[in-house]
Amino acid sequence: GRLRSELTITAPERSDFFRYGAEWEPSTGTTVSAWSSQLWRGEPKSKQAEIGQTGVIDVATAVHALRRAPPSAPRRLEIWSDGKLYPVMVYPRGAEQRRIGGKTIACRHFAIRSINVPGRRAWKGELDLWLADDSFATPVEILVARSSARVRLELVERRVGPATEPVNGG
């Protein structure tokens, strides 16, 4: 009954990467375990932890959780990032149009931001997610920012053989 998700961000012209992964329980949205690794400017780092707390998510699970149950009002969560827990808020930013592959796609925008809580560390990351307003809530664009880098992922149209319908990587 558990799901495993992983988000890997690479730079084609370099060997740098960021990888976020998790095993999670979809019925509760709870991250059971999470891991992250990176190679940034020649310096490797990796972390892994057993989590198992309701309301705690990681970056990879956040994408799936927002696709499955998008909030209509701000929602407070704890995010696991690089081995530590941080208080964050998920903000629904409303409907937006995104231009992908020459087409305009109706989307819902969500932002995950750090919040200040006395005695707690502040998350130095940001996550913006644009989900297509379709039955799959297809991720159209993801912006992941860390203290040292900002990466934008965009859905691209990919043709397979003579087919004319796009294949969406969701």
C-alpha atoms as a PDB file:
ATOM      1  CA  GLY A   1       0.000   0.000   0.000  1.00  0.00           C
ATOM      2  CA  ARG A   2       2.965   2.379   0.208  1.00  0.00           C
ATOM      3  CA  LEU A   3       4.206   4.417  -2.725  1.00  0.00           C
ATOM      4  CA  ARG A   4       7.724   5.437  -3.627  1.00  0.00           C
ATOM      5  CA  SER A   5       8.444   8.702  -5.391  1.00  0.00           C
ATOM      6  CA  GLU A   6      11.635  10.308  -6.550  1.00  0.00           C
ATOM      7  CA  LEU A   7      12.436  13.635  -8.160  1.00  0.00           C
ATOM      8  CA  THR A   8      15.816  13.893  -9.861  1.00  0.00           C
ATOM      9  CA  ILE A   9      17.060  17.182 -11.278  1.00  0.00           C
ATOM     10  CA  THR A  10      20.083  17.055 -13.567  1.00  0.00           C
ATOM     11  CA  ALA A  11      22.087  19.500 -15.619  1.00  0.00           C
ATOM     12  CA  PRO A  12      22.770  17.998 -19.082  1.00  0.00           C
ATOM     13  CA  GLU A  13      26.001  19.927 -19.605  1.00  0.00           C
ATOM     14  CA  ARG A  14      27.371  19.074 -16.140  1.00  0.00           C
ATOM     15  CA  SER A  15      27.361  16.094 -13.831  1.00  0.00           C
ATOM     16  CA  ASP A  16      25.616  18.039 -11.032  1.00  0.00           C
ATOM     17  CA  PHE A  17      22.293  16.711  -9.733  1.00  0.00           C
ATOM     18  CA  PHE A  18      19.767  16.948  -6.906  1.00  0.00           C
ATOM     19  CA  ARG A  19      17.681  13.891  -5.970  1.00  0.00           C
ATOM     20  CA  TYR A  20      14.782  13.839  -3.533  1.00  0.00           C
ATOM     21  CA  GLY A  21      12.976  10.599  -2.753  1.00  0.00           C
ATOM     22  CA  ALA A  22      10.502   9.118  -0.339  1.00  0.00           C
ATOM     23  CA  GLU A  23       8.374   6.171   0.575  1.00  0.00           C
ATOM     24  CA  TRP A  24       4.968   7.343   1.721  1.00  0.00           C
ATOM     25  CA  GLU A  25       1.559   6.187   2.798  1.00  0.00           C
ATOM     26  CA  PRO A  26      -1.006   7.627   0.354  1.00  0.00           C
ATOM     27  CA  SER A  27      -4.027   7.106   2.637  1.00  0.00           C
ATOM     28  CA  THR A  28      -2.591   9.508   5.234  1.00  0.00           C
ATOM     29  CA  GLY A  29      -0.094  11.466   3.113  1.00  0.00           C
ATOM     30  CA  THR A  30       2.600  10.561   5.653  1.00  0.00           C
ATOM     31  CA  THR A  31       6.206  10.271   4.541  1.00  0.00           C
ATOM     32  CA  VAL A  32       7.513   6.991   5.990  1.00  0.00           C
ATOM     33  CA  SER A  33      11.132   7.496   4.952  1.00  0.00           C
ATOM     34  CA  ALA A  34      12.950  10.105   2.894  1.00  0.00           C
ATOM     35  CA  TRP A  35      16.321  10.548   1.272  1.00  0.00           C
ATOM     36  CA  SER A  36      18.175  13.193  -0.640  1.00  0.00           C
ATOM     37  CA  SER A  37      21.472  13.330  -2.421  1.00  0.00           C
ATOM     38  CA  GLN A  38      23.297  15.825  -4.525  1.00  0.00           C
ATOM     39  CA  LEU A  39      26.449  16.501  -6.401  1.00  0.00           C
ATOM     40  CA  TRP A  40      26.891  20.257  -6.573  1.00  0.00           C
ATOM     41  CA  ARG A  41      30.092  21.853  -7.816  1.00  0.00           C
ATOM     42  CA  GLY A  42      31.969  18.594  -7.228  1.00  0.00           C
ATOM     43  CA  GLU A  43      30.793  18.198  -3.617  1.00  0.00           C
ATOM     44  CA  PRO A  44      28.598  15.132  -2.899  1.00  0.00           C
ATOM     45  CA  LYS A  45      26.097  15.032  -0.017  1.00  0.00           C
ATOM     46  CA  SER A  46      23.407  12.570   0.986  1.00  0.00           C
ATOM     47  CA  LYS A  47      20.917  12.129   3.832  1.00  0.00           C
ATOM     48  CA  GLN A  48      18.344   9.501   4.730  1.00  0.00           C
ATOM     49  CA  ALA A  49      15.850   9.227   7.576  1.00  0.00           C
ATOM     50  CA  GLU A  50      12.869   7.285   8.851  1.00  0.00           C
ATOM     51  CA  ILE A  51      10.067   9.808   9.391  1.00  0.00           C
ATOM     52  CA  GLY A  52       6.632   8.284  10.024  1.00  0.00           C
ATOM     53  CA  GLN A  53       4.970  11.434  11.397  1.00  0.00           C
ATOM     54  CA  THR A  54       1.603  12.639  10.108  1.00  0.00           C
ATOM     55  CA  GLY A  55       1.893  16.058   8.477  1.00  0.00           C
ATOM     56  CA  VAL A  56       5.576  15.613   7.561  1.00  0.00           C
ATOM     57  CA  ILE A  57       6.380  15.543   3.852  1.00  0.00           C
ATOM     58  CA  ASP A  58       9.452  15.800   1.683  1.00  0.00           C
ATOM     59  CA  VAL A  59       9.886  17.569  -1.658  1.00  0.00           C
ATOM     60  CA  ALA A  60       9.024  14.522  -3.815  1.00  0.00           C
ATOM     61  CA  THR A  61       5.959  13.618  -1.737  1.00  0.00           C
ATOM     62  CA  ALA A  62       4.792  17.245  -1.761  1.00  0.00           C
ATOM     63  CA  VAL A  63       4.313  17.094  -5.535  1.00  0.00           C
ATOM     64  CA  HIS A  64       2.198  13.922  -5.271  1.00  0.00           C
ATOM     65  CA  ALA A  65       0.262  15.102  -2.219  1.00  0.00           C
ATOM     66  CA  LEU A  66      -0.720  18.380  -3.872  1.00  0.00           C
ATOM     67  CA  ARG A  67      -1.803  16.507  -7.004  1.00  0.00           C
ATOM     68  CA  ARG A  68      -4.013  14.155  -4.964  1.00  0.00           C
ATOM     69  CA  ALA A  69      -5.485  16.639  -2.481  1.00  0.00           C
ATOM     70  CA  PRO A  70      -4.861  20.269  -3.444  1.00  0.00           C
ATOM     71  CA  PRO A  71      -5.692  22.636  -0.583  1.00  0.00           C
ATOM     72  CA  SER A  72      -8.137  25.484  -1.136  1.00  0.00           C
ATOM     73  CA  ALA A  73      -6.722  27.480   1.797  1.00  0.00           C
ATOM     74  CA  PRO A  74      -3.188  27.804   3.256  1.00  0.00           C
ATOM     75  CA  ARG A  75      -2.083  24.591   4.975  1.00  0.00           C
ATOM     76  CA  ARG A  76       0.763  24.230   7.462  1.00  0.00           C
ATOM     77  CA  LEU A  77       3.113  21.268   7.086  1.00  0.00           C
ATOM     78  CA  GLU A  78       6.516  20.099   8.180  1.00  0.00           C
ATOM     79  CA  ILE A  79       8.957  19.489   5.348  1.00  0.00           C
ATOM     80  CA  TRP A  80      11.888  17.097   5.571  1.00  0.00           C
ATOM     81  CA  SER A  81      14.869  18.509   3.733  1.00  0.00           C
ATOM     82  CA  ASP A  82      18.455  17.296   3.937  1.00  0.00           C
ATOM     83  CA  GLY A  83      17.859  15.425   7.191  1.00  0.00           C
ATOM     84  CA  LYS A  84      16.030  18.173   9.094  1.00  0.00           C
ATOM     85  CA  LEU A  85      12.401  19.162   9.676  1.00  0.00           C
ATOM     86  CA  TYR A  86      11.192  22.678   8.903  1.00  0.00           C
ATOM     87  CA  PRO A  87       7.817  24.391   9.357  1.00  0.00           C
ATOM     88  CA  VAL A  88       6.337  25.472   6.020  1.00  0.00           C
ATOM     89  CA  MET A  89       3.076  26.721   4.617  1.00  0.00           C
ATOM     90  CA  VAL A  90       1.428  25.593   1.389  1.00  0.00           C
ATOM     91  CA  TYR A  91      -0.261  28.542  -0.296  1.00  0.00           C
ATOM     92  CA  PRO A  92      -2.782  28.037  -3.090  1.00  0.00           C
ATOM     93  CA  ARG A  93      -2.013  30.876  -5.524  1.00  0.00           C
ATOM     94  CA  GLY A  94      -5.070  30.335  -7.732  1.00  0.00           C
ATOM     95  CA  ALA A  95      -5.683  29.736 -11.402  1.00  0.00           C
ATOM     96  CA  GLU A  96      -3.044  30.708 -13.956  1.00  0.00           C
ATOM     97  CA  GLN A  97      -2.349  30.106 -17.614  1.00  0.00           C
ATOM     98  CA  ARG A  98       1.010  28.563 -18.592  1.00  0.00           C
ATOM     99  CA  ARG A  99       2.350  28.399 -22.129  1.00  0.00           C
ATOM    100  CA  ILE A 100       3.869  24.986 -22.902  1.00  0.00           C
ATOM    101  CA  GLY A 101       4.845  23.775 -26.372  1.00  0.00           C
ATOM    102  CA  GLY A 102       2.914  26.541 -28.075  1.00  0.00           C
ATOM    103  CA  LYS A 103      -0.280  25.746 -26.148  1.00  0.00           C
ATOM    104  CA  THR A 104      -1.929  27.596 -23.298  1.00  0.00           C
ATOM    105  CA  ILE A 105      -2.759  25.314 -20.385  1.00  0.00           C
ATOM    106  CA  ALA A 106      -5.084  26.178 -17.499  1.00  0.00           C
ATOM    107  CA  CYS A 107      -3.256  25.474 -14.231  1.00  0.00           C
ATOM    108  CA  ARG A 108      -3.483  25.817 -10.471  1.00  0.00           C
ATOM    109  CA  HIS A 109      -0.425  27.327  -8.778  1.00  0.00           C
ATOM    110  CA  PHE A 110       0.775  26.239  -5.322  1.00  0.00           C
ATOM    111  CA  ALA A 111       3.718  27.640  -3.376  1.00  0.00           C
ATOM    112  CA  ILE A 112       5.515  26.080  -0.408  1.00  0.00           C
ATOM    113  CA  ARG A 113       7.335  28.631   1.725  1.00  0.00           C
ATOM    114  CA  SER A 114       9.170  28.695   5.002  1.00  0.00           C
ATOM    115  CA  ILE A 115       7.398  30.231   7.977  1.00  0.00           C
ATOM    116  CA  ASN A 116       9.004  31.728  11.069  1.00  0.00           C
ATOM    117  CA  VAL A 117       8.387  29.703  14.213  1.00  0.00           C
ATOM    118  CA  PRO A 118      10.280  30.699  17.377  1.00  0.00           C
ATOM    119  CA  GLY A 119      12.949  28.165  18.270  1.00  0.00           C
ATOM    120  CA  ARG A 120      12.794  26.442  14.862  1.00  0.00           C
ATOM    121  CA  ARG A 121      15.100  26.607  11.860  1.00  0.00           C
ATOM    122  CA  ALA A 122      13.843  28.297   8.712  1.00  0.00           C
ATOM    123  CA  TRP A 123      13.800  26.253   5.501  1.00  0.00           C
ATOM    124  CA  LYS A 124      16.063  27.863   2.910  1.00  0.00           C
ATOM    125  CA  GLY A 125      14.185  26.291   0.020  1.00  0.00           C
ATOM    126  CA  GLU A 126      11.123  27.144  -1.999  1.00  0.00           C
ATOM    127  CA  LEU A 127       8.845  25.041  -4.152  1.00  0.00           C
ATOM    128  CA  ASP A 128       6.364  26.349  -6.707  1.00  0.00           C
ATOM    129  CA  LEU A 129       4.158  23.907  -8.528  1.00  0.00           C
ATOM    130  CA  TRP A 130       1.768  24.477 -11.430  1.00  0.00           C
ATOM    131  CA  LEU A 131      -0.691  21.623 -11.929  1.00  0.00           C
ATOM    132  CA  ALA A 132      -2.803  21.319 -15.065  1.00  0.00           C
ATOM    133  CA  ASP A 133      -6.494  21.721 -14.413  1.00  0.00           C
ATOM    134  CA  ASP A 134      -7.118  18.184 -15.697  1.00  0.00           C
ATOM    135  CA  SER A 135      -8.194  14.914 -14.078  1.00  0.00           C
ATOM    136  CA  PHE A 136      -4.553  13.886 -13.499  1.00  0.00           C
ATOM    137  CA  ALA A 137      -3.400  17.261 -12.092  1.00  0.00           C
ATOM    138  CA  THR A 138      -0.426  16.877 -14.434  1.00  0.00           C
ATOM    139  CA  PRO A 139       2.628  18.827 -13.221  1.00  0.00           C
ATOM    140  CA  VAL A 140       3.200  21.458 -15.906  1.00  0.00           C
ATOM    141  CA  GLU A 141       5.967  23.392 -14.195  1.00  0.00           C
ATOM    142  CA  ILE A 142       7.975  22.946 -10.998  1.00  0.00           C
ATOM    143  CA  LEU A 143      10.343  25.538  -9.584  1.00  0.00           C
ATOM    144  CA  VAL A 144      12.681  24.226  -6.885  1.00  0.00           C
ATOM    145  CA  ALA A 145      14.915  26.744  -5.160  1.00  0.00           C
ATOM    146  CA  ARG A 146      17.602  26.021  -2.639  1.00  0.00           C
ATOM    147  CA  SER A 147      19.989  28.417  -0.978  1.00  0.00           C
ATOM    148  CA  SER A 148      22.583  27.687  -3.679  1.00  0.00           C
ATOM    149  CA  ALA A 149      20.523  27.006  -6.824  1.00  0.00           C
ATOM    150  CA  ARG A 150      17.200  27.561  -8.568  1.00  0.00           C
ATOM    151  CA  VAL A 151      15.894  24.984 -11.047  1.00  0.00           C
ATOM    152  CA  ARG A 152      12.807  25.253 -13.248  1.00  0.00           C
ATOM    153  CA  LEU A 153      11.298  22.048 -14.661  1.00  0.00           C
ATOM    154  CA  GLU A 154       8.777  22.385 -17.475  1.00  0.00           C
ATOM    155  CA  LEU A 155       6.563  19.802 -19.109  1.00  0.00           C
ATOM    156  CA  VAL A 156       7.613  19.292 -22.716  1.00  0.00           C
ATOM    157  CA  GLU A 157       5.684  17.794 -25.535  1.00  0.00           C
ATOM    158  CA  ARG A 158       7.239  14.568 -26.725  1.00  0.00           C
ATOM    159  CA  ARG A 159       6.150  12.784 -29.890  1.00  0.00           C
ATOM    160  CA  VAL A 160       6.305   9.024 -30.157  1.00  0.00           C
ATOM    161  CA  GLY A 161       6.322   7.805 -33.735  1.00  0.00           C
ATOM    162  CA  PRO A 162       3.639   9.331 -35.948  1.00  0.00           C
ATOM    163  CA  ALA A 163       1.237  10.008 -33.060  1.00  0.00           C
ATOM    164  CA  THR A 164      -0.115  13.516 -32.726  1.00  0.00           C
ATOM    165  CA  GLU A 165      -1.073  13.415 -29.045  1.00  0.00           C
ATOM    166  CA  PRO A 166       1.515  14.535 -26.461  1.00  0.00           C
ATOM    167  CA  VAL A 167       2.878  12.075 -23.947  1.00  0.00           C
ATOM    168  CA  ASN A 168       2.863  13.730 -20.526  1.00  0.00           C
ATOM    169  CA  GLY A 169       5.429  12.682 -17.937  1.00  0.00           C
ATOM    170  CA  GLY A 170       3.470  13.041 -14.724  1.00  0.00           C
END
